[in-house]
Amino acid sequence: MILSTAMTLALSAGMAGPCSSPCTAEAQPQVRMTTVSYDHHGAKKDIVDTAVAAGSFNTLAAALGAADLVEALKGEGPFTVFAPTDAAFAKLPAGTVETLLKPENKAQLQAILLYHVVPGKAVAKDVVGKPAWATLNGQQINISTKGETPMVDNAKIVSTDVMASNGVIHVIDTVILPETKSIPQVAEAAGSFTTLLAAVKTAGLAETLMGEGPFTVFAPSDEAFAALGSTVQDLLKPENRETLTSILTYHVVPGRVFAAQAKTLTQAPTVNGKTLKIEAKWGDLKVGGAKVVAADFDASNGVIHVIDGVLIPE
């Protein structure tokens, strides 16, 4: 059920652009891939049994068991799994694996493992043809190159196209980790949303934006708020809290909407209750008249897009 729910969220979010830094690449990189031949005439084993049979994914298999994800990944799928080897897990700090395998850390382990799984079957040429893919975790993984080596986040893809009856496995040399900070925490770490965070606190929305979500936040930078002049100080007064809340919730869309999906939309409902106009033109993405200047910053409970203006609902 966990995997099924995560898949629904991932598919509704679309497959594009994680980005702790913005994703902008569009062209397919020229890379050198190593393809593993495995029963290309019809793989009979599912993803889990294929990994176990390989003999180099014992830790992954144990983790799937501890996270109660074995049956899900033995299901119909299809799935694309970026599978860390035993050596990849061994690179984690001492004691990390043992800690993650404890029952009390099951949710954290599930989040990490689902971050390695993309819904659908994406063979090597498909993988490198897109800059990012939505995972069953809800967040996105980045695809890039280092020299001629294909990378997923900070992990090298060391072999590809290990076929299974319900999908495909690509082998990676490092365990990739999803963002664990919430939207306000990611914004605070960025250092350029001081005014936004002060406004969120004043409006009493900090706890909400640290909740489960997921949310998509179109976040005005400090420069964007500065353009309002003295209006900002007026909005931060207690007597104007209702107005401030209305403005801030107009910047929040329910669910994860990554930039690639946003470019296909003309509008989106906001938490405010009003509809936000979206326009993609000449390569730019605009929401409510403000330009998205950086996109797809993942958070544990959503995604942040930076905009150059403050949106005022009518």
C-alpha atoms as a PDB file:
ATOM      1  CA  MET A   1       0.000   0.000   0.000  1.00  0.00           C
ATOM      2  CA  ILE A   2       2.868   2.379   0.798  1.00  0.00           C
ATOM      3  CA  LEU A   3       4.444   1.808  -2.589  1.00  0.00           C
ATOM      4  CA  SER A   4       1.125   2.110  -4.376  1.00  0.00           C
ATOM      5  CA  THR A   5       0.366   5.430  -2.666  1.00  0.00           C
ATOM      6  CA  ALA A   6       3.839   6.743  -3.372  1.00  0.00           C
ATOM      7  CA  MET A   7       3.503   5.752  -7.003  1.00  0.00           C
ATOM      8  CA  THR A   8       0.258   7.688  -7.325  1.00  0.00           C
ATOM      9  CA  LEU A   9       1.915  10.797  -5.880  1.00  0.00           C
ATOM     10  CA  ALA A  10       4.945  10.437  -8.113  1.00  0.00           C
ATOM     11  CA  LEU A  11       2.888   9.978 -11.248  1.00  0.00           C
ATOM     12  CA  SER A  12       0.646  12.918 -10.402  1.00  0.00           C
ATOM     13  CA  ALA A  13       3.741  15.070  -9.902  1.00  0.00           C
ATOM     14  CA  GLY A  14       5.172  14.162 -13.296  1.00  0.00           C
ATOM     15  CA  MET A  15       8.670  13.093 -14.205  1.00  0.00           C
ATOM     16  CA  ALA A  16      10.947  15.981 -14.634  1.00  0.00           C
ATOM     17  CA  GLY A  17      13.484  18.535 -13.217  1.00  0.00           C
ATOM     18  CA  PRO A  18      15.511  16.606  -7.451  1.00  0.00           C
ATOM     19  CA  CYS A  19      16.970  19.362  -7.355  1.00  0.00           C
ATOM     20  CA  SER A  20      18.885  20.706  -4.463  1.00  0.00           C
ATOM     21  CA  SER A  21      20.101  22.839  -7.363  1.00  0.00           C
ATOM     22  CA  PRO A  22      18.021  23.845 -10.375  1.00  0.00           C
ATOM     23  CA  CYS A  23      17.685  21.460 -13.310  1.00  0.00           C
ATOM     24  CA  THR A  24      17.909  23.107 -16.712  1.00  0.00           C
ATOM     25  CA  ALA A  25      19.635  20.642 -19.033  1.00  0.00           C
ATOM     26  CA  GLU A  26      17.508  19.363 -21.896  1.00  0.00           C
ATOM     27  CA  ALA A  27      19.839  17.813 -24.454  1.00  0.00           C
ATOM     28  CA  GLN A  28      20.685  14.136 -24.233  1.00  0.00           C
ATOM     29  CA  PRO A  29      24.268  13.757 -22.983  1.00  0.00           C
ATOM     30  CA  GLN A  30      26.807  11.721 -24.901  1.00  0.00           C
ATOM     31  CA  VAL A  31      27.894   9.145 -22.386  1.00  0.00           C
ATOM     32  CA  ARG A  32      29.482   5.757 -22.282  1.00  0.00           C
ATOM     33  CA  MET A  33      27.163   3.187 -20.744  1.00  0.00           C
ATOM     34  CA  THR A  34      27.889  -0.378 -19.698  1.00  0.00           C
ATOM     35  CA  THR A  35      24.968  -2.641 -20.531  1.00  0.00           C
ATOM     36  CA  VAL A  36      24.527  -5.928 -18.748  1.00  0.00           C
ATOM     37  CA  SER A  37      22.982  -8.679 -20.838  1.00  0.00           C
ATOM     38  CA  TYR A  38      20.314 -10.500 -18.881  1.00  0.00           C
ATOM     39  CA  ASP A  39      17.695 -12.600 -20.613  1.00  0.00           C
ATOM     40  CA  HIS A  40      16.688  -9.939 -23.128  1.00  0.00           C
ATOM     41  CA  HIS A  41      14.350 -12.459 -24.745  1.00  0.00           C
ATOM     42  CA  GLY A  42      12.113 -12.379 -21.678  1.00  0.00           C
ATOM     43  CA  ALA A  43      13.336 -12.105 -18.105  1.00  0.00           C
ATOM     44  CA  LYS A  44      11.495 -14.553 -15.861  1.00  0.00           C
ATOM     45  CA  LYS A  45      12.585 -13.279 -12.444  1.00  0.00           C
ATOM     46  CA  ASP A  46      11.155 -10.167 -10.859  1.00  0.00           C
ATOM     47  CA  ILE A  47      13.321  -7.285  -9.656  1.00  0.00           C
ATOM     48  CA  VAL A  48      13.833  -8.644  -6.152  1.00  0.00           C
ATOM     49  CA  ASP A  49      14.713 -12.181  -7.268  1.00  0.00           C
ATOM     50  CA  THR A  50      16.990 -10.811  -9.991  1.00  0.00           C
ATOM     51  CA  ALA A  51      18.882  -8.716  -7.440  1.00  0.00           C
ATOM     52  CA  VAL A  52      19.189 -11.637  -5.026  1.00  0.00           C
ATOM     53  CA  ALA A  53      20.430 -13.952  -7.783  1.00  0.00           C
ATOM     54  CA  ALA A  54      23.143 -11.437  -8.733  1.00  0.00           C
ATOM     55  CA  GLY A  55      24.787 -11.964  -5.346  1.00  0.00           C
ATOM     56  CA  SER A  56      25.978  -8.370  -4.914  1.00  0.00           C
ATOM     57  CA  PHE A  57      22.822  -6.799  -3.472  1.00  0.00           C
ATOM     58  CA  ASN A  58      22.524  -8.594  -0.130  1.00  0.00           C
ATOM     59  CA  THR A  59      22.250  -5.378   1.873  1.00  0.00           C
ATOM     60  CA  LEU A  60      19.648  -3.985  -0.494  1.00  0.00           C
ATOM     61  CA  ALA A  61      17.627  -7.177  -0.186  1.00  0.00           C
ATOM     62  CA  ALA A  62      17.832  -7.007   3.608  1.00  0.00           C
ATOM     63  CA  ALA A  63      16.768  -3.364   3.559  1.00  0.00           C
ATOM     64  CA  LEU A  64      13.773  -4.106   1.333  1.00  0.00           C
ATOM     65  CA  GLY A  65      12.734  -6.793   3.785  1.00  0.00           C
ATOM     66  CA  ALA A  66      13.072  -4.497   6.797  1.00  0.00           C
ATOM     67  CA  ALA A  67      11.087  -1.797   4.989  1.00  0.00           C
ATOM     68  CA  ASP A  68       8.306  -4.223   3.982  1.00  0.00           C
ATOM     69  CA  LEU A  69       8.824  -3.382   0.314  1.00  0.00           C
ATOM     70  CA  VAL A  70       9.698  -6.844  -1.010  1.00  0.00           C
ATOM     71  CA  GLU A  71       6.185  -7.800  -2.070  1.00  0.00           C
ATOM     72  CA  ALA A  72       5.618  -4.389  -3.639  1.00  0.00           C
ATOM     73  CA  LEU A  73       8.733  -4.704  -5.816  1.00  0.00           C
ATOM     74  CA  LYS A  74       7.734  -8.233  -6.731  1.00  0.00           C
ATOM     75  CA  GLY A  75       4.463  -6.797  -8.008  1.00  0.00           C
ATOM     76  CA  GLU A  76       3.385  -6.047 -11.546  1.00  0.00           C
ATOM     77  CA  GLY A  77       5.155  -2.707 -11.851  1.00  0.00           C
ATOM     78  CA  PRO A  78       6.914  -1.949 -14.039  1.00  0.00           C
ATOM     79  CA  PHE A  79       9.665  -0.298 -12.022  1.00  0.00           C
ATOM     80  CA  THR A  80      13.094   1.142 -12.712  1.00  0.00           C
ATOM     81  CA  VAL A  81      15.434   0.524  -9.792  1.00  0.00           C
ATOM     82  CA  PHE A  82      18.763   2.263  -9.270  1.00  0.00           C
ATOM     83  CA  ALA A  83      20.290  -0.478  -7.146  1.00  0.00           C
ATOM     84  CA  PRO A  84      23.220   0.224  -4.796  1.00  0.00           C
ATOM     85  CA  THR A  85      25.650  -2.658  -4.484  1.00  0.00           C
ATOM     86  CA  ASP A  86      26.807  -4.087  -1.172  1.00  0.00           C
ATOM     87  CA  ALA A  87      29.966  -2.018  -1.645  1.00  0.00           C
ATOM     88  CA  ALA A  88      27.811   1.103  -2.039  1.00  0.00           C
ATOM     89  CA  PHE A  89      26.084   0.467   1.275  1.00  0.00           C
ATOM     90  CA  ALA A  90      29.457  -0.202   2.880  1.00  0.00           C
ATOM     91  CA  LYS A  91      30.505   3.368   1.978  1.00  0.00           C
ATOM     92  CA  LEU A  92      27.921   4.804   4.371  1.00  0.00           C
ATOM     93  CA  PRO A  93      29.219   5.918   7.788  1.00  0.00           C
ATOM     94  CA  ALA A  94      29.793   3.070  10.209  1.00  0.00           C
ATOM     95  CA  GLY A  95      26.585   1.899  11.876  1.00  0.00           C
ATOM     96  CA  THR A  96      24.250   3.660   9.413  1.00  0.00           C
ATOM     97  CA  VAL A  97      22.906   0.506   7.799  1.00  0.00           C
ATOM     98  CA  GLU A  98      22.396  -1.224  11.137  1.00  0.00           C
ATOM     99  CA  THR A  99      20.512   1.828  12.429  1.00  0.00           C
ATOM    100  CA  LEU A 100      18.283   2.047   9.361  1.00  0.00           C
ATOM    101  CA  LEU A 101      17.354  -1.629   9.649  1.00  0.00           C
ATOM    102  CA  LYS A 102      15.876  -1.117  13.128  1.00  0.00           C
ATOM    103  CA  PRO A 103      12.045  -1.261  13.243  1.00  0.00           C
ATOM    104  CA  GLU A 104      11.780   2.245  14.691  1.00  0.00           C
ATOM    105  CA  ASN A 105      13.512   3.644  11.584  1.00  0.00           C
ATOM    106  CA  LYS A 106      11.258   1.895   9.076  1.00  0.00           C
ATOM    107  CA  ALA A 107       9.729   5.110   7.691  1.00  0.00           C
ATOM    108  CA  GLN A 108      13.161   6.636   7.075  1.00  0.00           C
ATOM    109  CA  LEU A 109      14.370   3.449   5.390  1.00  0.00           C
ATOM    110  CA  GLN A 110      11.294   3.356   3.165  1.00  0.00           C
ATOM    111  CA  ALA A 111      11.878   6.965   2.121  1.00  0.00           C
ATOM    112  CA  ILE A 112      15.465   6.176   1.123  1.00  0.00           C
ATOM    113  CA  LEU A 113      14.627   2.994  -0.771  1.00  0.00           C
ATOM    114  CA  LEU A 114      11.681   4.527  -2.642  1.00  0.00           C
ATOM    115  CA  TYR A 115      14.039   7.318  -3.712  1.00  0.00           C
ATOM    116  CA  HIS A 116      15.867   4.646  -5.728  1.00  0.00           C
ATOM    117  CA  VAL A 117      12.735   3.580  -7.613  1.00  0.00           C
ATOM    118  CA  VAL A 118      11.128   5.268 -10.614  1.00  0.00           C
ATOM    119  CA  PRO A 119       7.689   4.162 -11.810  1.00  0.00           C
ATOM    120  CA  GLY A 120       7.737   2.650 -15.293  1.00  0.00           C
ATOM    121  CA  LYS A 121      10.474   0.902 -17.243  1.00  0.00           C
ATOM    122  CA  ALA A 122      13.296   3.253 -18.265  1.00  0.00           C
ATOM    123  CA  VAL A 123      16.233   1.610 -20.029  1.00  0.00           C
ATOM    124  CA  ALA A 124      19.629   3.307 -20.199  1.00  0.00           C
ATOM    125  CA  LYS A 125      18.970   5.401 -23.283  1.00  0.00           C
ATOM    126  CA  ASP A 126      15.754   6.681 -21.723  1.00  0.00           C
ATOM    127  CA  VAL A 127      17.423   7.496 -18.411  1.00  0.00           C
ATOM    128  CA  VAL A 128      20.116   9.725 -19.923  1.00  0.00           C
ATOM    129  CA  GLY A 129      17.571  11.375 -22.209  1.00  0.00           C
ATOM    130  CA  LYS A 130      16.010  13.361 -19.332  1.00  0.00           C
ATOM    131  CA  PRO A 131      17.624  15.646 -16.752  1.00  0.00           C
ATOM    132  CA  ALA A 132      15.586  14.254 -13.867  1.00  0.00           C
ATOM    133  CA  TRP A 133      13.050  11.609 -12.926  1.00  0.00           C
ATOM    134  CA  ALA A 134      10.311  11.565 -10.293  1.00  0.00           C
ATOM    135  CA  THR A 135      10.719   8.699  -7.829  1.00  0.00           C
ATOM    136  CA  LEU A 136       8.234   6.777  -5.738  1.00  0.00           C
ATOM    137  CA  ASN A 137       9.552   8.777  -2.784  1.00  0.00           C
ATOM    138  CA  GLY A 138       7.922  11.834  -4.388  1.00  0.00           C
ATOM    139  CA  GLN A 139      11.211  13.666  -4.817  1.00  0.00           C
ATOM    140  CA  GLN A 140      13.279  13.734  -7.996  1.00  0.00           C
ATOM    141  CA  ILE A 141      16.660  12.315  -8.899  1.00  0.00           C
ATOM    142  CA  ASN A 142      19.064  14.244 -11.127  1.00  0.00           C
ATOM    143  CA  ILE A 143      20.707  12.679 -14.136  1.00  0.00           C
ATOM    144  CA  SER A 144      24.028  14.183 -15.193  1.00  0.00           C
ATOM    145  CA  THR A 145      27.431  13.184 -16.528  1.00  0.00           C
ATOM    146  CA  LYS A 146      30.916  13.338 -15.106  1.00  0.00           C
ATOM    147  CA  GLY A 147      33.185  13.082 -18.088  1.00  0.00           C
ATOM    148  CA  GLU A 148      31.604  10.203 -19.970  1.00  0.00           C
ATOM    149  CA  THR A 149      30.210   8.579 -16.834  1.00  0.00           C
ATOM    150  CA  PRO A 150      26.457   8.840 -16.276  1.00  0.00           C
ATOM    151  CA  MET A 151      25.464   9.902 -12.776  1.00  0.00           C
ATOM    152  CA  VAL A 152      22.280   9.771 -10.728  1.00  0.00           C
ATOM    153  CA  ASP A 153      22.652  12.449  -8.073  1.00  0.00           C
ATOM    154  CA  ASN A 154      26.164  11.775  -6.691  1.00  0.00           C
ATOM    155  CA  ALA A 155      26.247   8.094  -7.680  1.00  0.00           C
ATOM    156  CA  LYS A 156      27.899   6.614 -10.749  1.00  0.00           C
ATOM    157  CA  ILE A 157      25.750   4.332 -12.862  1.00  0.00           C
ATOM    158  CA  VAL A 158      28.196   1.469 -13.246  1.00  0.00           C
ATOM    159  CA  SER A 159      26.059  -0.949 -15.268  1.00  0.00           C
ATOM    160  CA  THR A 160      22.665  -0.766 -16.888  1.00  0.00           C
ATOM    161  CA  ASP A 161      19.715  -2.633 -18.327  1.00  0.00           C
ATOM    162  CA  VAL A 162      19.599  -5.651 -16.045  1.00  0.00           C
ATOM    163  CA  MET A 163      16.211  -6.878 -17.165  1.00  0.00           C
ATOM    164  CA  ALA A 164      13.572  -8.319 -14.863  1.00  0.00           C
ATOM    165  CA  SER A 165      10.038  -9.527 -15.503  1.00  0.00           C
ATOM    166  CA  ASN A 166       8.582  -6.393 -13.910  1.00  0.00           C
ATOM    167  CA  GLY A 167      11.126  -3.764 -14.837  1.00  0.00           C
ATOM    168  CA  VAL A 168      14.793  -2.963 -15.123  1.00  0.00           C
ATOM    169  CA  ILE A 169      17.743  -2.486 -12.773  1.00  0.00           C
ATOM    170  CA  HIS A 170      20.599  -0.018 -13.165  1.00  0.00           C
ATOM    171  CA  VAL A 171      23.505  -0.607 -10.793  1.00  0.00           C
ATOM    172  CA  ILE A 172      24.959   2.353  -8.874  1.00  0.00           C
ATOM    173  CA  ASP A 173      28.077   2.665  -6.730  1.00  0.00           C
ATOM    174  CA  THR A 174      26.645   4.933  -3.998  1.00  0.00           C
ATOM    175  CA  VAL A 175      23.466   5.042  -1.942  1.00  0.00           C
ATOM    176  CA  ILE A 176      21.573   8.180  -2.952  1.00  0.00           C
ATOM    177  CA  LEU A 177      19.743  10.051  -0.218  1.00  0.00           C
ATOM    178  CA  PRO A 178      16.573  12.143  -0.462  1.00  0.00           C
ATOM    179  CA  GLU A 179      16.213  15.564   1.103  1.00  0.00           C
ATOM    180  CA  THR A 180      15.186  15.258   4.749  1.00  0.00           C
ATOM    181  CA  LYS A 181      14.589  18.954   5.509  1.00  0.00           C
ATOM    182  CA  SER A 182      11.080  20.403   5.323  1.00  0.00           C
ATOM    183  CA  ILE A 183      10.157  23.368   3.120  1.00  0.00           C
ATOM    184  CA  PRO A 184      10.883  26.035   5.789  1.00  0.00           C
ATOM    185  CA  GLN A 185      14.164  24.318   6.670  1.00  0.00           C
ATOM    186  CA  VAL A 186      15.269  24.211   3.020  1.00  0.00           C
ATOM    187  CA  ALA A 187      14.327  27.869   2.628  1.00  0.00           C
ATOM    188  CA  GLU A 188      16.255  28.816   5.770  1.00  0.00           C
ATOM    189  CA  ALA A 189      19.337  26.913   4.607  1.00  0.00           C
ATOM    190  CA  ALA A 190      19.244  28.766   1.277  1.00  0.00           C
ATOM    191  CA  GLY A 191      19.753  32.074   3.090  1.00  0.00           C
ATOM    192  CA  SER A 192      17.775  34.207   0.635  1.00  0.00           C
ATOM    193  CA  PHE A 193      14.264  33.925   2.069  1.00  0.00           C
ATOM    194  CA  THR A 194      14.596  35.830   5.357  1.00  0.00           C
ATOM    195  CA  THR A 195      11.557  38.016   4.724  1.00  0.00           C
ATOM    196  CA  LEU A 196       9.410  35.117   3.524  1.00  0.00           C
ATOM    197  CA  LEU A 197      10.238  33.074   6.614  1.00  0.00           C
ATOM    198  CA  ALA A 198       9.493  36.025   8.890  1.00  0.00           C
ATOM    199  CA  ALA A 199       6.138  36.457   7.151  1.00  0.00           C
ATOM    200  CA  VAL A 200       5.346  32.753   7.433  1.00  0.00           C
ATOM    201  CA  LYS A 201       6.084  32.858  11.158  1.00  0.00           C
ATOM    202  CA  THR A 202       3.997  35.986  11.682  1.00  0.00           C
ATOM    203  CA  ALA A 203       1.068  34.425   9.844  1.00  0.00           C
ATOM    204  CA  GLY A 204       1.318  31.264  11.940  1.00  0.00           C
ATOM    205  CA  LEU A 205       1.970  29.066   8.897  1.00  0.00           C
ATOM    206  CA  ALA A 206       5.382  27.642   9.823  1.00  0.00           C
ATOM    207  CA  GLU A 207       3.986  24.499  11.428  1.00  0.00           C
ATOM    208  CA  THR A 208       1.684  23.893   8.456  1.00  0.00           C
ATOM    209  CA  LEU A 209       4.540  24.165   5.966  1.00  0.00           C
ATOM    210  CA  MET A 210       6.570  21.746   8.068  1.00  0.00           C
ATOM    211  CA  GLY A 211       3.707  19.242   7.928  1.00  0.00           C
ATOM    212  CA  GLU A 212       3.266  16.202   5.751  1.00  0.00           C
ATOM    213  CA  GLY A 213       2.070  18.026   2.647  1.00  0.00           C
ATOM    214  CA  PRO A 214       3.198  17.721  -0.005  1.00  0.00           C
ATOM    215  CA  PHE A 215       3.201  21.354  -1.088  1.00  0.00           C
ATOM    216  CA  THR A 216       4.575  23.353  -3.989  1.00  0.00           C
ATOM    217  CA  VAL A 217       5.787  26.764  -2.860  1.00  0.00           C
ATOM    218  CA  PHE A 218       6.482  29.630  -5.243  1.00  0.00           C
ATOM    219  CA  ALA A 219       8.891  31.437  -2.958  1.00  0.00           C
ATOM    220  CA  PRO A 220       9.622  35.175  -3.400  1.00  0.00           C
ATOM    221  CA  SER A 221      13.235  36.027  -2.672  1.00  0.00           C
ATOM    222  CA  ASP A 222      14.262  38.772  -0.264  1.00  0.00           C
ATOM    223  CA  GLU A 223      14.798  41.022  -3.296  1.00  0.00           C
ATOM    224  CA  ALA A 224      11.224  40.367  -4.409  1.00  0.00           C
ATOM    225  CA  PHE A 225       9.873  41.467  -1.025  1.00  0.00           C
ATOM    226  CA  ALA A 226      12.217  44.473  -0.980  1.00  0.00           C
ATOM    227  CA  ALA A 227      10.513  45.744  -4.112  1.00  0.00           C
ATOM    228  CA  LEU A 228       7.321  46.209  -2.062  1.00  0.00           C
ATOM    229  CA  GLY A 229       9.013  48.805   0.136  1.00  0.00           C
ATOM    230  CA  SER A 230       7.201  49.763   3.353  1.00  0.00           C
ATOM    231  CA  THR A 231       4.279  47.487   2.463  1.00  0.00           C
ATOM    232  CA  VAL A 232       6.190  44.544   3.935  1.00  0.00           C
ATOM    233  CA  GLN A 233       6.447  46.133   7.386  1.00  0.00           C
ATOM    234  CA  ASP A 234       2.745  46.952   7.282  1.00  0.00           C
ATOM    235  CA  LEU A 235       1.871  43.349   6.412  1.00  0.00           C
ATOM    236  CA  LEU A 236       3.915  42.066   9.337  1.00  0.00           C
ATOM    237  CA  LYS A 237       1.792  44.005  11.832  1.00  0.00           C
ATOM    238  CA  PRO A 238      -0.574  41.841  13.943  1.00  0.00           C
ATOM    239  CA  GLU A 239      -3.661  43.658  12.700  1.00  0.00           C
ATOM    240  CA  ASN A 240      -2.829  42.667   9.112  1.00  0.00           C
ATOM    241  CA  ARG A 241      -2.322  38.963   9.795  1.00  0.00           C
ATOM    242  CA  GLU A 242      -5.398  37.907   7.799  1.00  0.00           C
ATOM    243  CA  THR A 243      -4.218  39.808   4.726  1.00  0.00           C
ATOM    244  CA  LEU A 244      -0.713  38.399   5.099  1.00  0.00           C
ATOM    245  CA  THR A 245      -2.056  34.860   5.388  1.00  0.00           C
ATOM    246  CA  SER A 246      -4.123  35.352   2.240  1.00  0.00           C
ATOM    247  CA  ILE A 247      -1.043  36.518   0.318  1.00  0.00           C
ATOM    248  CA  LEU A 248       1.218  33.725   1.551  1.00  0.00           C
ATOM    249  CA  THR A 249      -1.255  30.906   0.897  1.00  0.00           C
ATOM    250  CA  TYR A 250      -1.652  32.279  -2.641  1.00  0.00           C
ATOM    251  CA  HIS A 251       1.962  31.159  -3.169  1.00  0.00           C
ATOM    252  CA  VAL A 252       1.249  27.551  -2.182  1.00  0.00           C
ATOM    253  CA  VAL A 253      -0.180  24.849  -4.442  1.00  0.00           C
ATOM    254  CA  PRO A 254      -1.232  21.473  -2.986  1.00  0.00           C
ATOM    255  CA  GLY A 255       0.901  18.527  -4.120  1.00  0.00           C
ATOM    256  CA  ARG A 256       4.291  18.406  -5.808  1.00  0.00           C
ATOM    257  CA  VAL A 257       4.347  20.288  -9.094  1.00  0.00           C
ATOM    258  CA  PHE A 258       7.791  20.232 -10.668  1.00  0.00           C
ATOM    259  CA  ALA A 259       8.767  22.772 -13.306  1.00  0.00           C
ATOM    260  CA  ALA A 260       8.331  20.442 -16.278  1.00  0.00           C
ATOM    261  CA  GLN A 261       4.758  19.718 -15.271  1.00  0.00           C
ATOM    262  CA  ALA A 262       4.062  23.364 -14.448  1.00  0.00           C
ATOM    263  CA  LYS A 263       5.033  24.286 -18.013  1.00  0.00           C
ATOM    264  CA  THR A 264       2.163  22.145 -19.281  1.00  0.00           C
ATOM    265  CA  LEU A 265      -0.413  23.950 -17.124  1.00  0.00           C
ATOM    266  CA  THR A 266      -2.258  27.211 -17.590  1.00  0.00           C
ATOM    267  CA  GLN A 267      -3.441  27.482 -13.990  1.00  0.00           C
ATOM    268  CA  ALA A 268      -3.240  25.773 -10.613  1.00  0.00           C
ATOM    269  CA  PRO A 269      -5.401  25.906  -7.486  1.00  0.00           C
ATOM    270  CA  THR A 270      -3.763  27.445  -4.433  1.00  0.00           C
ATOM    271  CA  VAL A 271      -4.207  26.841  -0.715  1.00  0.00           C
ATOM    272  CA  ASN A 272      -5.677  30.358  -0.662  1.00  0.00           C
ATOM    273  CA  GLY A 273      -8.632  28.987  -2.638  1.00  0.00           C
ATOM    274  CA  LYS A 274      -7.957  31.158  -5.652  1.00  0.00           C
ATOM    275  CA  THR A 275      -6.452  30.032  -8.950  1.00  0.00           C
ATOM    276  CA  LEU A 276      -2.913  30.930  -9.930  1.00  0.00           C
ATOM    277  CA  LYS A 277      -2.264  31.701 -13.586  1.00  0.00           C
ATOM    278  CA  ILE A 278       0.703  29.862 -15.121  1.00  0.00           C
ATOM    279  CA  GLU A 279       2.404  30.742 -18.391  1.00  0.00           C
ATOM    280  CA  ALA A 280       5.333  29.118 -20.189  1.00  0.00           C
ATOM    281  CA  LYS A 281       6.744  31.207 -23.026  1.00  0.00           C
ATOM    282  CA  TRP A 282      10.122  31.474 -24.739  1.00  0.00           C
ATOM    283  CA  GLY A 283      11.641  29.097 -22.230  1.00  0.00           C
ATOM    284  CA  ASP A 284      10.491  31.124 -19.218  1.00  0.00           C
ATOM    285  CA  LEU A 285       7.982  29.977 -16.634  1.00  0.00           C
ATOM    286  CA  LYS A 286       5.767  32.630 -15.053  1.00  0.00           C
ATOM    287  CA  VAL A 287       3.232  32.300 -12.255  1.00  0.00           C
ATOM    288  CA  GLY A 288       0.848  35.142 -11.536  1.00  0.00           C
ATOM    289  CA  GLY A 289       3.107  37.435 -13.562  1.00  0.00           C
ATOM    290  CA  ALA A 290       6.262  36.622 -11.573  1.00  0.00           C
ATOM    291  CA  LYS A 291       9.149  34.815 -13.245  1.00  0.00           C
ATOM    292  CA  VAL A 292      10.447  31.524 -11.885  1.00  0.00           C
ATOM    293  CA  VAL A 293      14.174  32.233 -11.596  1.00  0.00           C
ATOM    294  CA  ALA A 294      15.202  28.878 -10.081  1.00  0.00           C
ATOM    295  CA  ALA A 295      13.159  25.705  -9.957  1.00  0.00           C
ATOM    296  CA  ASP A 296      12.789  22.288  -8.396  1.00  0.00           C
ATOM    297  CA  PHE A 297      14.386  22.582  -4.984  1.00  0.00           C
ATOM    298  CA  ASP A 298      13.306  19.398  -3.265  1.00  0.00           C
ATOM    299  CA  ALA A 299      12.142  19.262   0.338  1.00  0.00           C
ATOM    300  CA  SER A 300      10.961  16.272   2.328  1.00  0.00           C
ATOM    301  CA  ASN A 301       7.388  17.532   2.063  1.00  0.00           C
ATOM    302  CA  GLY A 302       7.335  19.255  -1.302  1.00  0.00           C
ATOM    303  CA  VAL A 303       9.194  21.419  -3.760  1.00  0.00           C
ATOM    304  CA  ILE A 304      10.227  25.082  -3.925  1.00  0.00           C
ATOM    305  CA  HIS A 305      10.412  27.320  -6.984  1.00  0.00           C
ATOM    306  CA  VAL A 306      12.026  30.738  -6.535  1.00  0.00           C
ATOM    307  CA  ILE A 307      10.170  33.695  -8.051  1.00  0.00           C
ATOM    308  CA  ASP A 308      11.189  37.322  -8.607  1.00  0.00           C
ATOM    309  CA  GLY A 309       7.967  38.934  -7.391  1.00  0.00           C
ATOM    310  CA  VAL A 310       5.431  38.729  -4.605  1.00  0.00           C
ATOM    311  CA  LEU A 311       2.038  37.442  -5.791  1.00  0.00           C
ATOM    312  CA  ILE A 312      -0.954  39.486  -4.643  1.00  0.00           C
ATOM    313  CA  PRO A 313      -4.357  37.796  -4.948  1.00  0.00           C
ATOM    314  CA  GLU A 314      -7.123  39.870  -6.451  1.00  0.00           C
END
